[in-house]
Amino acid sequence: MSAFWSKKKRKVCVVGLDGVPYTLLKRLTEDGTMPETAEILRSGHLAQMKVTLPEISAVSWPSFMTGVNPGQHSIFGFVDLKPHSYSLRFPSFGDVRVPTIWDKLGEKKKRSIVINQPSTYPARPIEGVLISGFVALSLKKAVHPKSLLPKLEQDGYIIDIDTMRAREDHAYLVNELNRTLDARQRTVNSLWDSEEWDLFEVVVTGTDRLHHYLWSALDDTSDQHHEAFLNFYRRVDSFIGSIHSRFRRLTGAGENTPGFFILSDHGFTGIKSEFYLNAWLKQEGFLKLEAEEVDSIEAISEGSLAFALDPSRIYLNMTGKYPKGSVKPEDVRSIVADIKAGLSELSCNGDRVVEKVFERAEAYDGPFAEQGPDLVVVSKYGYDVKSSPKKKELFGRSALTGMHTWDDAFFFSPQQPPQNLNITDIAGIILQYMEG
């Protein structure tokens, strides 16, 4: 082994592809759409991976960057409940209760360059550079150190596309995805050479946006955006290939490039129907609302046994925990059993809707597990669980054509990863490699 790969000087490069399924990556690398990525995959090991629940970026990325489940890092969704309340709050990077992989490297004076990492807003100091990704609201608060802000603004850095506009205007979506990827590439090029680093990470979030709004175009060759879908993946392929080539040159690595990793934070599949969980809880008598038309779960009525938060989290309305709590500890088992039994029997057009209902103890462990939901619903592919209390019908559709999956994320490593891989394993794998 060369002196470069001594324990002291091992470098790592990580590319994150938000929402890219293992099955789709295999397909596109085998059919010629992504030739550069295909060559990279042949040099190592591609593994299918499960993620923490619920299977959304707000939970999965903290699980990746800390190496622990939500019961330990404390992030259970894009929104969470304020203590002893039905009011919602938006967790931030400051709510992540354990050190990240970059914090651990920083303790050893190793520098990390992290670009477009979701769930890190507002950016806080790390040993190196952090540019927050989704759901960053302002570039000024998304950058550490602040001295990089003028350069990013000059280069036209883009945090994310306007997803609300993208719902209605798919031509805009395609154009902005490409423009954003170009901006990301400029920042990679700039920081790669201008900063000292031991770990370099960049996340592509455009893949998730593409899937949400244009998943139906993937297999429909008559869809006007079919080629645009594939062309974006061709551009992502070039993006990955360029970074891999630079890393090989930097490290002097051979065909197998130690230290180069790729991963996603969840999978994706097409939507047959959305399933509205609070509407079901209401229909089955578990949830009562103060009025027919409500804006939030704050309109819950006395006597309610359970309520849901997006996307698929069910909370028992416990006495002493919530202002209108009515569930006593001795009643928990029977209510949980009733909810699980009811959901297991639920069907839509002859299809079973629910794959499994996880109880809290199955999904989480750690000092913050009690803050999490009592149940998490994992649906069958095609049935996208939503929890808006505004919905009256059990099933419906929106502008979305693609939904997340929990068991079809991926991880690529030059070395053979362990069996039964979970996203919580990845930080440890990277740190172990860097330590030699």
Protein backbone atom coordinates (compact mmCIF):
# COMPACT_ATOMS: atom_id res chain seq x y z
CA MET A 1 0.00 0.00 0.00
CA SER A 2 1.36 3.40 -0.97
CA ALA A 3 2.33 6.02 1.56
CA PHE A 4 -0.72 8.02 0.51
CA TRP A 5 -3.03 5.35 1.89
CA SER A 6 -1.40 5.40 5.28
CA LYS A 7 -3.74 5.56 8.26
CA LYS A 8 -2.95 9.25 8.56
CA LYS A 9 -3.85 10.34 5.03
CA ARG A 10 -6.80 8.30 3.83
CA LYS A 11 -9.31 10.46 1.97
CA VAL A 12 -12.96 9.75 1.26
CA CYS A 13 -15.42 11.03 -1.36
CA VAL A 14 -19.17 10.51 -0.93
CA VAL A 15 -21.86 11.20 -3.53
CA GLY A 16 -25.46 11.19 -2.31
CA LEU A 17 -28.33 10.66 -4.74
CA ASP A 18 -31.55 11.64 -3.03
CA GLY A 19 -34.38 9.19 -3.64
CA VAL A 20 -32.60 6.92 -6.13
CA PRO A 21 -33.74 3.30 -5.79
CA TYR A 22 -31.32 0.38 -5.97
CA THR A 23 -33.52 -1.21 -8.63
CA LEU A 24 -33.52 1.91 -10.84
CA LEU A 25 -29.77 2.44 -10.51
CA LYS A 26 -29.16 -1.17 -11.58
CA ARG A 27 -31.51 -0.73 -14.52
CA LEU A 28 -29.99 2.52 -15.78
CA THR A 29 -26.42 1.29 -15.38
CA GLU A 30 -27.23 -1.95 -17.20
CA ASP A 31 -29.17 -0.43 -20.11
CA GLY A 32 -26.50 2.11 -21.08
CA THR A 33 -28.13 5.25 -19.68
CA MET A 34 -25.40 5.69 -17.04
CA PRO A 35 -22.17 4.25 -18.52
CA GLU A 36 -19.72 6.09 -16.27
CA THR A 37 -21.53 5.02 -13.11
CA ALA A 38 -21.74 1.47 -14.50
CA GLU A 39 -17.96 1.38 -14.78
CA ILE A 40 -17.62 2.59 -11.20
CA LEU A 41 -20.05 -0.04 -9.93
CA ARG A 42 -18.09 -2.80 -11.65
CA SER A 43 -15.09 -1.85 -9.53
CA GLY A 44 -16.85 -2.47 -6.21
CA HIS A 45 -20.03 -3.64 -4.54
CA LEU A 46 -23.58 -2.31 -4.92
CA ALA A 47 -25.98 -3.25 -2.12
CA GLN A 48 -29.68 -2.77 -1.57
CA MET A 49 -30.33 -0.94 1.70
CA LYS A 50 -33.17 -0.24 4.11
CA VAL A 51 -33.59 3.13 5.79
CA THR A 52 -34.97 4.39 9.07
CA LEU A 53 -38.66 5.20 9.44
CA PRO A 54 -40.50 7.09 8.19
CA GLU A 55 -38.69 6.84 4.87
CA ILE A 56 -38.21 10.55 4.20
CA SER A 57 -35.13 12.70 3.72
CA ALA A 58 -35.65 14.59 6.98
CA VAL A 59 -35.13 11.32 8.87
CA SER A 60 -32.86 9.32 6.56
CA TRP A 61 -30.11 11.89 6.12
CA PRO A 62 -29.65 12.49 9.88
CA SER A 63 -29.51 8.70 10.24
CA PHE A 64 -26.75 8.60 7.61
CA MET A 65 -24.71 11.46 9.02
CA THR A 66 -24.91 10.31 12.65
CA GLY A 67 -24.96 6.53 12.22
CA VAL A 68 -27.87 6.14 14.63
CA ASN A 69 -31.66 5.77 14.47
CA PRO A 70 -34.19 8.55 15.24
CA GLY A 71 -34.53 7.35 18.83
CA GLN A 72 -30.97 8.57 19.31
CA HIS A 73 -30.69 11.56 16.94
CA SER A 74 -34.28 12.75 17.73
CA ILE A 75 -35.49 13.66 14.21
CA PHE A 76 -38.75 11.88 13.33
CA GLY A 77 -40.05 13.99 10.44
CA PHE A 78 -40.11 17.32 8.62
CA VAL A 79 -42.46 18.47 11.37
CA ASP A 80 -42.81 17.40 14.98
CA LEU A 81 -45.04 18.19 17.93
CA LYS A 82 -44.23 20.84 20.47
CA PRO A 83 -44.07 19.30 23.98
CA HIS A 84 -47.49 18.70 25.59
CA SER A 85 -49.19 20.19 22.54
CA TYR A 86 -50.79 19.43 19.18
CA SER A 87 -48.97 22.41 17.67
CA LEU A 88 -46.30 21.69 15.09
CA ARG A 89 -42.69 22.78 14.94
CA PHE A 90 -40.01 22.38 12.30
CA PRO A 91 -36.92 20.54 13.57
CA SER A 92 -33.60 22.02 12.47
CA PHE A 93 -29.98 20.89 12.40
CA GLY A 94 -29.74 22.07 16.00
CA ASP A 95 -32.19 19.34 17.01
CA VAL A 96 -29.81 16.57 15.95
CA ARG A 97 -28.72 15.35 19.38
CA VAL A 98 -25.60 13.34 18.54
CA PRO A 99 -22.35 14.12 16.69
CA THR A 100 -22.26 13.79 12.91
CA ILE A 101 -19.56 12.03 10.94
CA TRP A 102 -18.01 15.46 10.25
CA ASP A 103 -17.99 16.30 13.96
CA LYS A 104 -16.16 13.06 14.71
CA LEU A 105 -13.63 13.73 11.98
CA GLY A 106 -13.21 17.30 13.21
CA GLU A 107 -12.25 16.01 16.65
CA LYS A 108 -9.28 14.38 14.91
CA LYS A 109 -8.48 17.57 12.99
CA LYS A 110 -9.75 16.10 9.74
CA ARG A 111 -11.56 18.52 7.42
CA SER A 112 -14.84 17.83 5.62
CA ILE A 113 -16.31 19.61 2.60
CA VAL A 114 -20.08 19.01 2.60
CA ILE A 115 -22.22 20.38 -0.25
CA ASN A 116 -26.03 20.37 -0.35
CA GLN A 117 -26.53 18.08 2.64
CA PRO A 118 -30.26 17.96 3.52
CA SER A 119 -31.27 18.37 7.17
CA THR A 120 -28.32 20.59 8.11
CA TYR A 121 -30.05 23.99 8.16
CA PRO A 122 -29.10 26.39 9.56
CA ALA A 123 -25.46 25.56 8.93
CA ARG A 124 -23.26 25.44 12.00
CA PRO A 125 -19.49 25.35 12.28
CA ILE A 126 -17.70 22.15 11.35
CA GLU A 127 -14.02 21.53 10.72
CA GLY A 128 -14.23 22.46 7.05
CA VAL A 129 -17.10 23.66 4.86
CA LEU A 130 -20.84 23.02 5.17
CA ILE A 131 -23.43 24.15 2.62
CA SER A 132 -26.88 23.13 3.83
CA GLY A 133 -29.41 21.58 1.49
CA PHE A 134 -33.17 21.07 1.73
CA VAL A 135 -34.96 22.62 3.66
CA ALA A 136 -32.61 25.61 3.69
CA LEU A 137 -34.54 28.86 3.38
CA SER A 138 -31.70 31.34 2.96
CA LEU A 139 -28.23 30.87 1.51
CA LYS A 140 -26.89 33.32 4.09
CA LYS A 141 -27.81 30.89 6.88
CA ALA A 142 -26.85 27.81 4.87
CA VAL A 143 -23.11 28.39 4.62
CA HIS A 144 -20.16 27.84 6.95
CA PRO A 145 -17.80 29.60 6.91
CA LYS A 146 -19.60 32.82 5.99
CA SER A 147 -16.59 33.95 3.98
CA LEU A 148 -17.68 31.55 1.20
CA LEU A 149 -21.02 33.29 0.70
CA PRO A 150 -19.86 35.95 -1.83
CA LYS A 151 -18.23 33.30 -4.03
CA LEU A 152 -21.33 31.10 -3.96
CA GLU A 153 -23.55 34.05 -4.83
CA GLN A 154 -21.19 35.07 -7.63
CA ASP A 155 -21.26 31.52 -9.02
CA GLY A 156 -25.07 31.47 -8.97
CA TYR A 157 -25.36 28.70 -6.40
CA ILE A 158 -28.91 27.31 -6.12
CA ILE A 159 -30.14 25.54 -2.98
CA ASP A 160 -33.18 23.93 -4.57
CA ILE A 161 -35.84 24.39 -7.21
CA ASP A 162 -39.23 25.95 -6.53
CA THR A 163 -41.14 22.72 -5.89
CA MET A 164 -44.54 24.41 -5.76
CA ARG A 165 -44.06 25.78 -9.27
CA ALA A 166 -42.58 22.46 -10.41
CA ARG A 167 -45.83 20.69 -9.49
CA GLU A 168 -47.66 22.63 -12.19
CA ASP A 169 -44.93 23.39 -14.72
CA HIS A 170 -42.89 20.36 -15.71
CA ALA A 171 -40.92 22.24 -18.36
CA TYR A 172 -39.76 24.57 -15.59
CA LEU A 173 -38.94 21.52 -13.45
CA VAL A 174 -36.67 19.99 -16.07
CA ASN A 175 -34.92 23.28 -16.83
CA GLU A 176 -34.33 24.09 -13.16
CA LEU A 177 -33.07 20.60 -12.34
CA ASN A 178 -30.41 20.97 -15.01
CA ARG A 179 -29.55 24.52 -13.98
CA THR A 180 -29.24 23.48 -10.33
CA LEU A 181 -27.00 20.52 -11.17
CA ASP A 182 -24.75 22.85 -13.17
CA ALA A 183 -24.50 25.17 -10.16
CA ARG A 184 -23.66 22.22 -7.94
CA GLN A 185 -20.90 21.17 -10.34
CA ARG A 186 -19.36 24.66 -10.28
CA THR A 187 -19.23 24.57 -6.49
CA VAL A 188 -17.66 21.10 -6.49
CA ASN A 189 -15.01 22.31 -8.93
CA SER A 190 -14.31 25.41 -6.85
CA LEU A 191 -14.03 23.77 -3.44
CA TRP A 192 -12.24 20.62 -4.61
CA ASP A 193 -9.02 22.49 -5.31
CA SER A 194 -9.34 25.56 -3.10
CA GLU A 195 -9.92 23.76 0.22
CA GLU A 196 -7.91 21.21 2.13
CA TRP A 197 -10.04 18.18 2.95
CA ASP A 198 -10.11 14.61 4.15
CA LEU A 199 -13.77 13.94 3.32
CA PHE A 200 -15.59 15.46 0.36
CA GLU A 201 -19.35 14.97 0.10
CA VAL A 202 -21.97 16.28 -2.30
CA VAL A 203 -25.67 15.39 -2.48
CA VAL A 204 -27.83 15.57 -5.61
CA THR A 205 -31.44 16.30 -4.61
CA GLY A 206 -32.75 16.82 -8.13
CA THR A 207 -33.29 13.08 -8.53
CA ASP A 208 -35.91 13.16 -5.76
CA ARG A 209 -37.71 16.09 -7.37
CA LEU A 210 -37.65 14.39 -10.76
CA HIS A 211 -39.17 11.24 -9.30
CA HIS A 212 -41.93 12.97 -7.37
CA TYR A 213 -43.28 14.83 -10.38
CA LEU A 214 -42.18 12.80 -13.42
CA TRP A 215 -41.89 9.19 -12.26
CA SER A 216 -44.71 8.30 -14.64
CA ALA A 217 -42.53 9.48 -17.55
CA LEU A 218 -39.86 6.86 -16.84
CA ASP A 219 -41.63 3.95 -18.53
CA ASP A 220 -44.09 5.84 -20.72
CA THR A 221 -42.18 6.44 -23.95
CA SER A 222 -45.06 8.56 -25.23
CA ASP A 223 -44.75 10.99 -22.32
CA GLN A 224 -43.35 14.32 -23.52
CA HIS A 225 -40.86 14.28 -20.64
CA HIS A 226 -39.64 10.68 -21.07
CA GLU A 227 -36.38 11.71 -22.74
CA ALA A 228 -35.94 14.60 -20.30
CA PHE A 229 -36.13 12.07 -17.44
CA LEU A 230 -33.41 9.91 -18.97
CA ASN A 231 -31.34 12.91 -20.02
CA PHE A 232 -31.23 14.17 -16.45
CA TYR A 233 -29.86 10.80 -15.38
CA ARG A 234 -27.28 11.01 -18.16
CA ARG A 235 -26.19 14.35 -16.72
CA VAL A 236 -26.09 12.90 -13.20
CA ASP A 237 -23.95 10.09 -14.63
CA SER A 238 -21.47 12.62 -16.02
CA PHE A 239 -21.53 14.46 -12.69
CA ILE A 240 -20.64 11.27 -10.80
CA GLY A 241 -18.06 10.29 -13.38
CA SER A 242 -16.27 13.63 -13.24
CA ILE A 243 -16.02 13.51 -9.45
CA HIS A 244 -14.81 9.91 -9.52
CA SER A 245 -12.14 10.75 -12.10
CA ARG A 246 -10.89 13.67 -10.02
CA PHE A 247 -10.78 11.48 -6.92
CA ARG A 248 -8.79 8.80 -8.74
CA ARG A 249 -6.28 11.36 -9.97
CA LEU A 250 -5.98 12.88 -6.51
CA THR A 251 -5.45 9.59 -4.75
CA GLY A 252 -3.49 7.78 -7.44
CA ALA A 253 -5.87 4.86 -7.09
CA GLY A 254 -6.17 2.06 -9.62
CA GLU A 255 -9.33 0.55 -11.11
CA ASN A 256 -10.75 -0.14 -7.67
CA THR A 257 -10.95 3.28 -6.03
CA PRO A 258 -10.78 2.92 -2.24
CA GLY A 259 -12.66 5.62 -0.40
CA PHE A 260 -15.28 6.40 -3.07
CA PHE A 261 -18.85 5.81 -1.86
CA ILE A 262 -22.31 6.46 -3.34
CA LEU A 263 -25.65 6.15 -1.53
CA SER A 264 -29.30 7.13 -1.55
CA ASP A 265 -31.54 7.99 1.37
CA HIS A 266 -34.64 6.05 0.25
CA GLY A 267 -36.09 4.37 -2.79
CA PHE A 268 -38.95 5.34 -5.10
CA THR A 269 -41.85 3.80 -6.96
CA GLY A 270 -44.96 4.91 -8.83
CA ILE A 271 -48.21 5.96 -7.16
CA LYS A 272 -51.51 4.18 -7.71
CA SER A 273 -53.27 6.20 -5.02
CA GLU A 274 -52.58 8.30 -1.96
CA PHE A 275 -53.97 6.97 1.31
CA TYR A 276 -55.07 9.54 3.90
CA LEU A 277 -54.31 8.17 7.34
CA ASN A 278 -56.19 10.69 9.48
CA ALA A 279 -59.31 10.16 7.36
CA TRP A 280 -59.06 6.45 8.12
CA LEU A 281 -58.53 7.05 11.85
CA LYS A 282 -61.59 9.28 11.81
CA GLN A 283 -63.69 6.77 9.88
CA GLU A 284 -62.76 3.97 12.28
CA GLY A 285 -63.57 6.05 15.36
CA PHE A 286 -60.02 6.58 16.63
CA LEU A 287 -59.98 10.31 15.81
CA LYS A 288 -62.57 13.01 16.45
CA LEU A 289 -62.28 16.56 15.14
CA GLU A 290 -64.01 19.72 16.34
CA ALA A 291 -65.41 20.55 12.90
CA GLU A 292 -65.91 19.07 9.46
CA GLU A 293 -63.40 21.52 7.96
CA VAL A 294 -60.11 21.80 9.87
CA ASP A 295 -56.65 23.12 9.08
CA SER A 296 -54.54 21.12 11.51
CA ILE A 297 -54.57 18.39 14.11
CA GLU A 298 -54.94 21.12 16.75
CA ALA A 299 -58.67 20.75 16.05
CA ILE A 300 -58.67 17.35 17.75
CA SER A 301 -61.63 16.69 20.07
CA GLU A 302 -61.92 15.16 23.51
CA GLY A 303 -62.20 11.39 23.38
CA SER A 304 -59.83 10.91 20.45
CA LEU A 305 -57.64 7.83 20.77
CA ALA A 306 -55.08 8.53 18.04
CA PHE A 307 -53.97 11.00 15.39
CA ALA A 308 -51.41 11.03 12.60
CA LEU A 309 -48.63 13.28 11.35
CA ASP A 310 -47.08 13.19 7.89
CA PRO A 311 -46.28 11.03 6.31
CA SER A 312 -47.25 7.88 8.20
CA ARG A 313 -46.77 8.46 11.94
CA ILE A 314 -49.55 7.50 14.38
CA TYR A 315 -49.55 8.90 17.92
CA LEU A 316 -51.77 7.59 20.68
CA ASN A 317 -53.57 10.46 22.43
CA MET A 318 -52.14 9.67 25.87
CA THR A 319 -53.38 11.19 29.11
CA GLY A 320 -50.72 13.39 30.68
CA LYS A 321 -48.87 13.73 27.37
CA TYR A 322 -51.38 15.75 25.34
CA PRO A 323 -53.89 18.43 26.43
CA LYS A 324 -56.91 16.36 25.39
CA GLY A 325 -55.35 12.99 26.06
CA SER A 326 -57.77 10.14 26.67
CA VAL A 327 -55.70 6.95 26.38
CA LYS A 328 -54.58 5.39 29.64
CA PRO A 329 -51.46 3.19 29.79
CA GLU A 330 -53.50 0.07 30.45
CA ASP A 331 -55.45 0.65 27.21
CA VAL A 332 -52.44 1.00 24.91
CA ARG A 333 -52.08 -2.65 23.88
CA SER A 334 -55.70 -3.07 22.86
CA ILE A 335 -55.79 0.18 20.87
CA VAL A 336 -52.54 -0.65 19.10
CA ALA A 337 -53.90 -4.09 18.25
CA ASP A 338 -57.12 -2.62 16.88
CA ILE A 339 -55.31 -0.08 14.69
CA LYS A 340 -52.90 -2.69 13.34
CA ALA A 341 -55.69 -5.14 12.64
CA GLY A 342 -57.78 -2.53 10.85
CA LEU A 343 -54.91 -1.33 8.67
CA SER A 344 -53.91 -4.89 7.79
CA GLU A 345 -57.37 -5.47 6.32
CA LEU A 346 -57.51 -2.20 4.37
CA SER A 347 -57.79 -2.56 0.60
CA CYS A 348 -58.13 -0.35 -2.47
CA ASN A 349 -59.38 -1.77 -5.75
CA GLY A 350 -58.64 -5.24 -4.46
CA ASP A 351 -55.07 -4.42 -3.37
CA ARG A 352 -53.84 -4.58 0.18
CA VAL A 353 -52.69 -1.07 1.10
CA VAL A 354 -50.45 -1.67 4.12
CA GLU A 355 -47.30 -3.80 4.15
CA LYS A 356 -46.57 -3.52 7.87
CA VAL A 357 -47.30 -1.35 10.88
CA PHE A 358 -44.17 -0.91 13.01
CA GLU A 359 -44.54 -0.32 16.72
CA ARG A 360 -42.25 2.22 18.34
CA ALA A 361 -40.02 -0.40 19.94
CA GLU A 362 -39.50 -2.08 16.56
CA ALA A 363 -38.51 1.14 14.80
CA TYR A 364 -36.59 3.10 17.45
CA ASP A 365 -34.32 2.76 20.43
CA GLY A 366 -32.51 5.38 22.43
CA PRO A 367 -33.13 8.24 24.84
CA PHE A 368 -35.50 10.09 22.47
CA ALA A 369 -37.56 7.12 21.31
CA GLU A 370 -40.48 8.15 23.52
CA GLN A 371 -40.76 11.38 21.52
CA GLY A 372 -41.42 9.37 18.39
CA PRO A 373 -44.68 7.99 17.04
CA ASP A 374 -46.32 4.97 18.63
CA LEU A 375 -46.81 3.40 15.20
CA VAL A 376 -45.32 3.90 11.73
CA VAL A 377 -47.22 2.67 8.69
CA VAL A 378 -45.26 1.19 5.79
CA SER A 379 -47.49 0.84 2.77
CA LYS A 380 -47.47 -1.47 -0.19
CA TYR A 381 -45.71 -0.09 -3.25
CA GLY A 382 -48.09 2.25 -5.02
CA TYR A 383 -50.00 3.51 -1.98
CA ASP A 384 -48.54 6.77 -0.72
CA VAL A 385 -49.48 7.46 2.91
CA LYS A 386 -50.35 11.07 3.77
CA SER A 387 -51.75 12.48 7.01
CA SER A 388 -53.42 15.79 6.22
CA PRO A 389 -56.41 16.20 8.57
CA LYS A 390 -58.17 18.15 5.80
CA LYS A 391 -58.87 15.05 3.74
CA LYS A 392 -62.30 13.42 4.02
CA GLU A 393 -61.89 10.52 1.60
CA LEU A 394 -59.55 7.61 2.28
CA PHE A 395 -57.96 7.64 -1.17
CA GLY A 396 -57.12 10.26 -3.76
CA ARG A 397 -54.45 11.70 -6.04
CA SER A 398 -52.35 14.85 -6.22
CA ALA A 399 -49.72 16.23 -8.59
CA LEU A 400 -47.22 13.62 -7.36
CA THR A 401 -46.55 10.55 -9.50
CA GLY A 402 -43.77 8.99 -7.42
CA MET A 403 -43.55 7.93 -3.75
CA HIS A 404 -40.80 6.92 -1.33
CA THR A 405 -39.94 3.33 -0.40
CA TRP A 406 -38.03 2.22 2.69
CA ASP A 407 -36.40 -1.00 1.51
CA ASP A 408 -34.91 -0.07 -1.88
CA ALA A 409 -32.23 2.52 -1.14
CA PHE A 410 -28.67 1.66 -2.20
CA PHE A 411 -25.07 1.87 -1.07
CA PHE A 412 -21.98 1.48 -3.25
CA SER A 413 -18.64 0.70 -1.67
CA PRO A 414 -15.30 -0.46 -3.08
CA GLN A 415 -15.29 -2.97 -0.22
CA GLN A 416 -17.97 -5.59 0.44
CA PRO A 417 -20.56 -4.05 2.82
CA PRO A 418 -22.25 -6.12 5.54
CA GLN A 419 -25.45 -8.08 4.96
CA ASN A 420 -28.87 -6.61 5.87
CA LEU A 421 -27.54 -3.11 5.36
CA ASN A 422 -29.26 -0.12 6.96
CA ILE A 423 -28.49 3.54 6.37
CA THR A 424 -27.36 3.80 10.01
CA ASP A 425 -24.39 1.55 9.10
CA ILE A 426 -22.85 3.92 6.57
CA ALA A 427 -21.17 6.49 8.82
CA GLY A 428 -19.41 3.70 10.69
CA ILE A 429 -18.23 2.09 7.45
CA ILE A 430 -16.76 5.39 6.25
CA LEU A 431 -15.11 6.19 9.57
CA GLN A 432 -13.68 2.69 9.85
CA TYR A 433 -12.19 3.01 6.38
CA MET A 434 -10.63 6.39 7.18
CA GLU A 435 -9.11 5.06 10.38
CA GLY A 436 -7.43 2.24 8.43
